[in-house]
Structures are given as structure tokens and as C-alpha cells.
């Protein structure tokens, strides 16, 4: 391991000790608490939107959050280990099949929705009864009205 990687690892441990970020990925709706400085005053602002990408690795890791503000799409890139990011809260988990959701930029309204991921249901304690073999024989349904056997007329 070279010196730069060791320094990055130390910095990541320092930042990780101060706050714990939950596991989240593209498709998840997240609320990011960002420290904002206005003049001499500092406050924490919540930025809620859909995470559309995770980029980089190590100390340079970042994620992109997209939201619609007053009808305009707004994207913001947050470095994971930035001191300006106070915390991240996962509002809901999304079910997606892509690592980068850049296609959401072209979609509007309901078509831009992401399906919510469902947690698997716990296994029931009762076991289903064993199937009988051979399976019971089915009787054919009665013929429909007016569509009985056709007979040839000579």
C-alpha cells in the first residue's frame, strides 16, 4: 500500500468515527443534511431526492441526488466524506436494475417514479401439506351452449 492510500484510509476512519452513513444506492430516496453557511450564520439544510448515482472510491467517493424543485430538475453531487454532509437518512428503498439512473433526467411526472423495494416476507411456521401422487384426475368441462358436437348433414 502506498503512502497516499494510507493517508486516505486514515482520513476515512476519522470522518467515519464522527458519523455513520447508512448503506444506500441508486434508486433510494435519501434525505441529506448539509451544513450551509450564509454570512456568519451556519445552519443545517435538508436536501431530499432520489440517489441516481454512486461514483468513485475511497476518500473521493460521492453520490448524486436528484429532486424536482418548483418544476425544475435539480441535481447535486455530495462527497461521502465531506465535513459539510452532516448525515444521510434513507427515506425509502427503490428497486432498480441499473447503477446509474441518468435516464430519469428525460422523464417527467409519473413515468419518473421508482418502484419501492419490498422486504421479503418471513417464512411461515406452518408447512404446507404434502401433495398427493398421482394428482386427482380432472373431468372435462361441459360443452358450451350451441357449440356441441357438429354433425355433418348429408
Foldseek 3Di string as FASTA:
>chain_A
DDPVLVVLVVLVVVLCVLDPADDAAFFWWKWWWFWDDDPPDIDTDIDTATWFAWDDDGQQTKTKGWDQDPNDIDIDIDRPSDPRTPYMDTPFHFDDDDRGRPVLNVDDDPVSHTHTDDDDDDDDPDDDDDADPPHDDDDDDDDDPPPPDDDDDD
